Amino acid sequence: MIQVINHVNIVVTDLDRSERFYVDVLGFRATRRGHLEGPWIEAVSGLQGVRADVTFLEPPGGGPRIELIAYASPRGEAPAANSAPNTVGLRHLAFTVDDMDAAVARLEAAGVALVGGPMEVPAGVVRHAEGRKRLCYFLDPDGVLLELAEYRDER
């Protein structure tokens, strides 16, 4: 039934700021913008009086796109627990990088603080087909937990 992951939606407070972060800092490409309003979005979201703007971002290496939505109405909440790695629910997105040190340097140059890492997953914990995994966590401008993952071939 399921073929592929089509996209991941992230609700943001400032669409321009978040788009700049995902494009300028993480290297995504903005492909289109739109305005969401009317009976169709109210029916699909289960919310009344929806007015929102959306931008679609394509990852540089392909794969599922990210859909950033900023709701003008109704406004949502951003519980602090959503940024914690152990909060129940969809918790983070992971992006594969080919050079962890360069990616971390780019984040730090943009003023992004790491939550933790980079750290290598100990050899006996999980074996990945791509090789040994090194990762770090960081937050986007709205506190969405994100991960960078680098794999090194063990051969």
N, C-alpha and C. Protein backbone atom coordinates (compact mmCIF):
# COMPACT_ATOMS: atom_id res chain seq x y z
N MET A 1 0.82 -1.20 0.00
CA MET A 1 0.00 0.00 0.00
C MET A 1 0.86 1.27 0.00
N ILE A 2 1.71 1.46 1.01
CA ILE A 2 2.58 2.64 1.05
C ILE A 2 3.69 2.45 0.03
N GLN A 3 3.97 3.49 -0.75
CA GLN A 3 5.05 3.43 -1.73
C GLN A 3 6.31 4.13 -1.22
N VAL A 4 6.19 5.38 -0.82
CA VAL A 4 7.33 6.16 -0.33
C VAL A 4 6.81 7.22 0.64
N ILE A 5 7.72 7.83 1.41
CA ILE A 5 7.34 9.00 2.20
C ILE A 5 7.30 10.18 1.24
N ASN A 6 6.17 10.85 1.15
CA ASN A 6 5.98 11.96 0.22
C ASN A 6 6.55 13.25 0.77
N HIS A 7 6.20 13.59 2.00
CA HIS A 7 6.71 14.81 2.62
C HIS A 7 6.51 14.76 4.12
N VAL A 8 7.19 15.67 4.79
CA VAL A 8 7.04 15.86 6.22
C VAL A 8 6.61 17.30 6.43
N ASN A 9 5.59 17.51 7.24
CA ASN A 9 5.07 18.85 7.50
C ASN A 9 5.61 19.36 8.82
N ILE A 10 6.09 20.60 8.82
CA ILE A 10 6.53 21.26 10.05
C ILE A 10 5.79 22.57 10.16
N VAL A 11 5.06 22.76 11.27
CA VAL A 11 4.37 24.02 11.51
C VAL A 11 5.37 24.98 12.13
N VAL A 12 5.45 26.19 11.58
CA VAL A 12 6.42 27.19 12.01
C VAL A 12 5.70 28.48 12.39
N THR A 13 6.40 29.33 13.12
CA THR A 13 5.80 30.61 13.52
C THR A 13 6.10 31.72 12.52
N ASP A 14 7.23 31.64 11.82
CA ASP A 14 7.64 32.68 10.88
C ASP A 14 8.14 31.98 9.61
N LEU A 15 7.32 31.98 8.58
CA LEU A 15 7.62 31.22 7.37
C LEU A 15 8.91 31.71 6.70
N ASP A 16 9.09 33.00 6.59
CA ASP A 16 10.30 33.53 5.94
C ASP A 16 11.55 33.11 6.71
N ARG A 17 11.54 33.26 8.04
CA ARG A 17 12.69 32.89 8.86
C ARG A 17 13.01 31.40 8.71
N SER A 18 11.99 30.56 8.78
CA SER A 18 12.21 29.12 8.68
C SER A 18 12.68 28.72 7.29
N GLU A 19 12.13 29.34 6.27
CA GLU A 19 12.58 29.03 4.91
C GLU A 19 14.05 29.40 4.76
N ARG A 20 14.45 30.56 5.26
CA ARG A 20 15.86 30.95 5.19
C ARG A 20 16.74 29.93 5.90
N PHE A 21 16.31 29.44 7.07
CA PHE A 21 17.09 28.46 7.81
C PHE A 21 17.26 27.17 7.00
N TYR A 22 16.17 26.63 6.50
CA TYR A 22 16.24 25.36 5.77
C TYR A 22 16.97 25.50 4.43
N VAL A 23 16.88 26.67 3.80
CA VAL A 23 17.55 26.88 2.52
C VAL A 23 19.01 27.31 2.74
N ASP A 24 19.23 28.38 3.49
CA ASP A 24 20.57 28.95 3.62
C ASP A 24 21.49 28.13 4.52
N VAL A 25 20.97 27.56 5.59
CA VAL A 25 21.81 26.82 6.53
C VAL A 25 21.89 25.34 6.17
N LEU A 26 20.73 24.72 5.84
CA LEU A 26 20.72 23.28 5.60
C LEU A 26 20.83 22.89 4.12
N GLY A 27 20.65 23.83 3.21
CA GLY A 27 20.86 23.55 1.79
C GLY A 27 19.66 23.04 1.02
N PHE A 28 18.46 23.12 1.59
CA PHE A 28 17.26 22.74 0.85
C PHE A 28 16.99 23.77 -0.25
N ARG A 29 16.12 23.42 -1.19
CA ARG A 29 15.73 24.32 -2.27
C ARG A 29 14.23 24.56 -2.17
N ALA A 30 13.85 25.84 -2.06
CA ALA A 30 12.42 26.18 -2.04
C ALA A 30 11.88 26.05 -3.46
N THR A 31 10.76 25.32 -3.60
CA THR A 31 10.24 25.08 -4.95
C THR A 31 8.93 25.82 -5.23
N ARG A 32 8.13 26.03 -4.20
CA ARG A 32 6.88 26.78 -4.43
C ARG A 32 6.29 27.21 -3.10
N ARG A 33 5.43 28.21 -3.19
CA ARG A 33 4.70 28.72 -2.02
C ARG A 33 3.22 28.72 -2.34
N GLY A 34 2.41 28.73 -1.29
CA GLY A 34 0.98 28.79 -1.51
C GLY A 34 0.27 29.35 -0.28
N HIS A 35 -0.98 29.67 -0.47
CA HIS A 35 -1.84 30.15 0.62
C HIS A 35 -2.95 29.12 0.81
N LEU A 36 -3.21 28.76 2.05
CA LEU A 36 -4.23 27.76 2.38
C LEU A 36 -5.38 28.44 3.09
N GLU A 37 -6.57 28.30 2.51
CA GLU A 37 -7.75 28.91 3.12
C GLU A 37 -8.99 28.31 2.46
N GLY A 38 -10.07 28.19 3.21
CA GLY A 38 -11.32 27.76 2.64
C GLY A 38 -11.80 26.41 3.15
N PRO A 39 -12.96 25.99 2.66
CA PRO A 39 -13.59 24.77 3.14
C PRO A 39 -12.74 23.51 2.98
N TRP A 40 -11.97 23.41 1.92
CA TRP A 40 -11.19 22.18 1.70
C TRP A 40 -10.15 21.99 2.79
N ILE A 41 -9.41 23.03 3.18
CA ILE A 41 -8.37 22.88 4.20
C ILE A 41 -9.00 22.73 5.58
N GLU A 42 -10.14 23.36 5.80
CA GLU A 42 -10.84 23.19 7.07
C GLU A 42 -11.32 21.75 7.22
N ALA A 43 -11.81 21.18 6.12
CA ALA A 43 -12.29 19.80 6.17
C ALA A 43 -11.15 18.82 6.40
N VAL A 44 -10.03 19.01 5.73
CA VAL A 44 -8.93 18.07 5.85
C VAL A 44 -8.20 18.21 7.20
N SER A 45 -8.15 19.43 7.74
CA SER A 45 -7.42 19.67 8.99
C SER A 45 -8.30 19.53 10.23
N GLY A 46 -9.61 19.61 10.05
CA GLY A 46 -10.50 19.58 11.21
C GLY A 46 -10.49 20.88 12.00
N LEU A 47 -9.96 21.94 11.40
CA LEU A 47 -9.89 23.26 12.06
C LEU A 47 -10.81 24.23 11.35
N GLN A 48 -11.32 25.20 12.07
CA GLN A 48 -12.18 26.23 11.50
C GLN A 48 -11.40 27.52 11.30
N GLY A 49 -11.74 28.27 10.25
CA GLY A 49 -11.13 29.57 10.01
C GLY A 49 -9.66 29.51 9.64
N VAL A 50 -9.26 28.46 8.93
CA VAL A 50 -7.85 28.29 8.58
C VAL A 50 -7.41 29.35 7.57
N ARG A 51 -6.33 30.02 7.93
CA ARG A 51 -5.59 30.89 7.03
C ARG A 51 -4.12 30.60 7.29
N ALA A 52 -3.43 30.11 6.27
CA ALA A 52 -2.04 29.70 6.46
C ALA A 52 -1.27 29.88 5.16
N ASP A 53 0.03 30.02 5.30
CA ASP A 53 0.92 30.06 4.14
C ASP A 53 1.86 28.87 4.22
N VAL A 54 2.25 28.37 3.06
CA VAL A 54 3.06 27.16 2.99
C VAL A 54 4.18 27.35 1.98
N THR A 55 5.31 26.74 2.27
CA THR A 55 6.41 26.67 1.31
C THR A 55 6.90 25.23 1.26
N PHE A 56 7.28 24.79 0.08
CA PHE A 56 7.75 23.42 -0.13
C PHE A 56 9.25 23.44 -0.38
N LEU A 57 9.96 22.55 0.30
CA LEU A 57 11.41 22.49 0.22
C LEU A 57 11.85 21.11 -0.24
N GLU A 58 12.78 21.09 -1.20
CA GLU A 58 13.33 19.84 -1.72
C GLU A 58 14.72 19.63 -1.14
N PRO A 59 15.02 18.42 -0.63
CA PRO A 59 16.37 18.17 -0.13
C PRO A 59 17.37 18.10 -1.29
N PRO A 60 18.61 18.53 -1.05
CA PRO A 60 19.58 18.58 -2.13
C PRO A 60 19.87 17.22 -2.78
N GLY A 61 19.80 16.14 -2.01
CA GLY A 61 20.12 14.82 -2.57
C GLY A 61 18.90 14.01 -2.96
N GLY A 62 17.72 14.62 -2.99
CA GLY A 62 16.49 13.91 -3.30
C GLY A 62 15.84 13.35 -2.05
N GLY A 63 14.71 12.72 -2.21
CA GLY A 63 13.98 12.16 -1.09
C GLY A 63 12.75 12.99 -0.75
N PRO A 64 12.11 12.68 0.37
CA PRO A 64 10.88 13.39 0.74
C PRO A 64 11.12 14.89 0.92
N ARG A 65 10.14 15.68 0.52
CA ARG A 65 10.26 17.12 0.70
C ARG A 65 9.74 17.52 2.08
N ILE A 66 10.07 18.71 2.47
CA ILE A 66 9.55 19.29 3.71
C ILE A 66 8.56 20.36 3.33
N GLU A 67 7.44 20.36 4.04
CA GLU A 67 6.38 21.34 3.85
C GLU A 67 6.32 22.19 5.11
N LEU A 68 6.70 23.47 5.01
CA LEU A 68 6.62 24.38 6.14
C LEU A 68 5.31 25.14 6.06
N ILE A 69 4.54 25.15 7.15
CA ILE A 69 3.27 25.87 7.18
C ILE A 69 3.27 26.82 8.38
N ALA A 70 2.88 28.07 8.11
CA ALA A 70 2.69 29.06 9.17
C ALA A 70 1.21 29.42 9.21
N TYR A 71 0.56 29.08 10.32
CA TYR A 71 -0.87 29.36 10.48
C TYR A 71 -1.06 30.77 11.03
N ALA A 72 -1.77 31.62 10.27
CA ALA A 72 -2.19 32.92 10.79
C ALA A 72 -3.40 32.71 11.70
N SER A 73 -4.22 31.72 11.32
CA SER A 73 -5.37 31.37 12.14
C SER A 73 -5.82 29.96 11.80
N PRO A 74 -6.25 29.18 12.77
CA PRO A 74 -6.06 29.43 14.20
C PRO A 74 -4.60 29.17 14.58
N ARG A 75 -4.10 29.96 15.52
CA ARG A 75 -2.72 29.81 15.98
C ARG A 75 -2.61 28.56 16.84
N GLY A 76 -1.50 27.86 16.71
CA GLY A 76 -1.25 26.68 17.53
C GLY A 76 -0.30 26.98 18.66
N GLU A 77 -0.05 25.98 19.47
CA GLU A 77 0.87 26.11 20.59
C GLU A 77 2.16 25.36 20.28
N ALA A 78 3.22 25.73 20.97
CA ALA A 78 4.51 25.06 20.83
C ALA A 78 4.97 24.62 22.21
N PRO A 79 4.45 23.50 22.71
CA PRO A 79 4.88 23.04 24.04
C PRO A 79 6.39 22.78 24.07
N ALA A 80 7.05 23.21 25.13
CA ALA A 80 8.50 23.05 25.26
C ALA A 80 8.91 21.58 25.15
N ALA A 81 8.05 20.67 25.59
CA ALA A 81 8.38 19.25 25.56
C ALA A 81 8.60 18.74 24.13
N ASN A 82 8.06 19.44 23.13
CA ASN A 82 8.25 18.99 21.74
C ASN A 82 9.70 19.00 21.31
N SER A 83 10.54 19.79 21.96
CA SER A 83 11.96 19.84 21.60
C SER A 83 12.79 18.77 22.31
N ALA A 84 12.19 18.08 23.25
CA ALA A 84 12.93 17.05 24.00
C ALA A 84 12.94 15.73 23.22
N PRO A 85 14.08 15.04 23.18
CA PRO A 85 14.18 13.81 22.40
C PRO A 85 13.32 12.67 22.90
N ASN A 86 12.84 12.71 24.15
CA ASN A 86 12.07 11.60 24.69
C ASN A 86 10.57 11.85 24.74
N THR A 87 10.09 12.94 24.17
CA THR A 87 8.66 13.22 24.13
C THR A 87 7.99 12.27 23.15
N VAL A 88 6.85 11.72 23.53
CA VAL A 88 6.13 10.76 22.69
C VAL A 88 5.63 11.45 21.42
N GLY A 89 5.71 10.75 20.32
CA GLY A 89 5.23 11.25 19.04
C GLY A 89 6.38 11.41 18.05
N LEU A 90 6.09 11.98 16.90
CA LEU A 90 7.11 12.23 15.91
C LEU A 90 8.14 13.17 16.53
N ARG A 91 9.37 12.73 16.65
CA ARG A 91 10.32 13.48 17.47
C ARG A 91 11.39 14.21 16.71
N HIS A 92 11.92 13.66 15.65
CA HIS A 92 12.93 14.41 14.91
C HIS A 92 13.03 13.92 13.47
N LEU A 93 13.63 14.76 12.64
CA LEU A 93 13.97 14.40 11.28
C LEU A 93 15.48 14.26 11.22
N ALA A 94 15.96 13.28 10.48
CA ALA A 94 17.40 13.06 10.35
C ALA A 94 17.81 13.29 8.91
N PHE A 95 18.89 14.05 8.74
CA PHE A 95 19.42 14.35 7.42
C PHE A 95 20.81 13.73 7.29
N THR A 96 21.04 12.98 6.22
CA THR A 96 22.34 12.39 5.97
C THR A 96 23.29 13.45 5.40
N VAL A 97 24.49 13.49 5.97
CA VAL A 97 25.53 14.39 5.46
C VAL A 97 26.76 13.55 5.11
N ASP A 98 27.59 14.06 4.21
CA ASP A 98 28.80 13.32 3.86
C ASP A 98 30.00 13.80 4.66
N ASP A 99 29.89 14.95 5.32
CA ASP A 99 30.99 15.49 6.11
C ASP A 99 30.41 16.15 7.36
N MET A 100 30.37 15.40 8.45
CA MET A 100 29.79 15.88 9.69
C MET A 100 30.48 17.15 10.19
N ASP A 101 31.80 17.16 10.16
CA ASP A 101 32.52 18.31 10.69
C ASP A 101 32.18 19.58 9.91
N ALA A 102 32.11 19.48 8.60
CA ALA A 102 31.76 20.65 7.78
C ALA A 102 30.32 21.07 8.04
N ALA A 103 29.42 20.11 8.19
CA ALA A 103 28.01 20.43 8.44
C ALA A 103 27.85 21.12 9.80
N VAL A 104 28.54 20.62 10.81
CA VAL A 104 28.48 21.22 12.14
C VAL A 104 29.08 22.63 12.11
N ALA A 105 30.17 22.80 11.40
CA ALA A 105 30.79 24.13 11.27
C ALA A 105 29.81 25.11 10.62
N ARG A 106 29.07 24.64 9.63
CA ARG A 106 28.08 25.49 8.95
C ARG A 106 26.96 25.88 9.92
N LEU A 107 26.50 24.92 10.73
CA LEU A 107 25.48 25.23 11.74
C LEU A 107 26.00 26.26 12.73
N GLU A 108 27.20 26.02 13.24
CA GLU A 108 27.76 26.93 14.24
C GLU A 108 27.99 28.32 13.67
N ALA A 109 28.41 28.41 12.41
CA ALA A 109 28.61 29.71 11.76
C ALA A 109 27.29 30.47 11.64
N ALA A 110 26.19 29.73 11.55
CA ALA A 110 24.86 30.35 11.46
C ALA A 110 24.27 30.62 12.84
N GLY A 111 25.03 30.32 13.90
CA GLY A 111 24.55 30.58 15.26
C GLY A 111 23.67 29.49 15.82
N VAL A 112 23.68 28.31 15.21
CA VAL A 112 22.86 27.19 15.67
C VAL A 112 23.65 26.40 16.71
N ALA A 113 23.09 26.25 17.89
CA ALA A 113 23.74 25.47 18.94
C ALA A 113 23.33 24.01 18.82
N LEU A 114 24.27 23.12 19.07
CA LEU A 114 23.96 21.69 19.05
C LEU A 114 23.31 21.30 20.36
N VAL A 115 22.34 20.40 20.29
CA VAL A 115 21.76 19.81 21.50
C VAL A 115 22.76 18.83 22.08
N GLY A 116 23.37 18.04 21.21
CA GLY A 116 24.37 17.07 21.62
C GLY A 116 25.09 16.49 20.43
N GLY A 117 26.33 16.08 20.66
CA GLY A 117 27.11 15.45 19.63
C GLY A 117 28.08 16.44 19.02
N PRO A 118 28.72 16.04 17.93
CA PRO A 118 28.59 14.77 17.25
C PRO A 118 29.22 13.62 18.06
N MET A 119 28.57 12.50 17.97
CA MET A 119 29.01 11.29 18.66
C MET A 119 28.89 10.11 17.69
N GLU A 120 29.78 9.13 17.86
CA GLU A 120 29.68 7.91 17.07
C GLU A 120 28.89 6.88 17.87
N VAL A 121 27.98 6.20 17.19
CA VAL A 121 27.22 5.13 17.83
C VAL A 121 28.19 3.99 18.12
N PRO A 122 28.29 3.51 19.36
CA PRO A 122 29.22 2.41 19.67
C PRO A 122 28.96 1.19 18.79
N ALA A 123 30.03 0.50 18.46
CA ALA A 123 29.99 -0.61 17.51
C ALA A 123 28.92 -1.66 17.80
N GLY A 124 28.68 -2.01 19.05
CA GLY A 124 27.74 -3.08 19.34
C GLY A 124 26.29 -2.66 19.47
N VAL A 125 25.99 -1.38 19.33
CA VAL A 125 24.62 -0.90 19.57
C VAL A 125 23.70 -1.22 18.40
N VAL A 126 24.00 -0.67 17.23
CA VAL A 126 23.20 -0.90 16.02
C VAL A 126 24.17 -0.99 14.85
N ARG A 127 23.95 -1.98 14.00
CA ARG A 127 24.78 -2.13 12.81
C ARG A 127 23.97 -1.64 11.62
N HIS A 128 24.48 -0.64 10.92
CA HIS A 128 23.81 -0.07 9.75
C HIS A 128 24.48 -0.59 8.48
N ALA A 129 23.70 -0.85 7.48
CA ALA A 129 24.25 -1.31 6.20
C ALA A 129 25.20 -0.27 5.60
N GLU A 130 24.95 1.01 5.90
CA GLU A 130 25.77 2.09 5.36
C GLU A 130 27.10 2.21 6.09
N GLY A 131 27.26 1.54 7.23
CA GLY A 131 28.51 1.61 7.99
C GLY A 131 28.30 2.20 9.37
N ARG A 132 29.39 2.63 9.99
CA ARG A 132 29.35 3.23 11.33
C ARG A 132 28.64 4.57 11.24
N LYS A 133 27.83 4.88 12.27
CA LYS A 133 27.04 6.10 12.26
C LYS A 133 27.59 7.10 13.28
N ARG A 134 27.68 8.34 12.83
CA ARG A 134 28.02 9.47 13.68
C ARG A 134 26.87 10.45 13.57
N LEU A 135 26.43 11.03 14.69
CA LEU A 135 25.26 11.89 14.64
C LEU A 135 25.34 13.03 15.64
N CYS A 136 24.50 14.02 15.41
CA CYS A 136 24.30 15.10 16.37
C CYS A 136 22.88 15.62 16.24
N TYR A 137 22.39 16.19 17.33
CA TYR A 137 21.07 16.81 17.37
C TYR A 137 21.22 18.33 17.44
N PHE A 138 20.26 19.02 16.83
CA PHE A 138 20.17 20.48 16.92
C PHE A 138 18.72 20.87 16.71
N LEU A 139 18.40 22.15 16.93
CA LEU A 139 17.03 22.63 16.82
C LEU A 139 16.90 23.65 15.69
N ASP A 140 15.74 23.63 15.02
CA ASP A 140 15.46 24.67 14.03
C ASP A 140 14.97 25.92 14.78
N PRO A 141 14.65 27.01 14.08
CA PRO A 141 14.26 28.25 14.77
C PRO A 141 13.02 28.13 15.66
N ASP A 142 12.17 27.14 15.42
CA ASP A 142 10.98 26.94 16.25
C ASP A 142 11.16 25.83 17.27
N GLY A 143 12.36 25.33 17.43
CA GLY A 143 12.61 24.29 18.42
C GLY A 143 12.32 22.88 17.94
N VAL A 144 12.19 22.68 16.62
CA VAL A 144 11.98 21.35 16.07
C VAL A 144 13.32 20.61 16.13
N LEU A 145 13.30 19.42 16.71
CA LEU A 145 14.50 18.62 16.87
C LEU A 145 14.91 18.01 15.53
N LEU A 146 16.17 18.22 15.13
CA LEU A 146 16.70 17.71 13.88
C LEU A 146 17.99 16.95 14.16
N GLU A 147 18.35 16.07 13.26
CA GLU A 147 19.57 15.27 13.41
C GLU A 147 20.38 15.32 12.13
N LEU A 148 21.70 15.38 12.28
CA LEU A 148 22.61 15.14 11.17
C LEU A 148 23.18 13.75 11.38
N ALA A 149 23.26 12.97 10.32
CA ALA A 149 23.79 11.61 10.40
C ALA A 149 24.84 11.42 9.31
N GLU A 150 25.99 10.92 9.71
CA GLU A 150 27.07 10.61 8.78
C GLU A 150 27.39 9.13 8.92
N TYR A 151 27.52 8.44 7.81
CA TYR A 151 27.84 7.02 7.82
C TYR A 151 29.21 6.81 7.20
N ARG A 152 30.01 5.95 7.84
CA ARG A 152 31.34 5.63 7.33
C ARG A 152 31.38 4.14 7.04
N ASP A 153 31.82 3.83 5.83
CA ASP A 153 31.93 2.44 5.41
C ASP A 153 32.95 1.73 6.30
N GLU A 154 32.58 0.58 6.83
CA GLU A 154 33.46 -0.18 7.73
C GLU A 154 34.47 -1.03 6.98
N ARG A 155 34.32 -1.15 5.69
CA ARG A 155 35.23 -2.00 4.92
C ARG A 155 36.55 -1.35 4.69
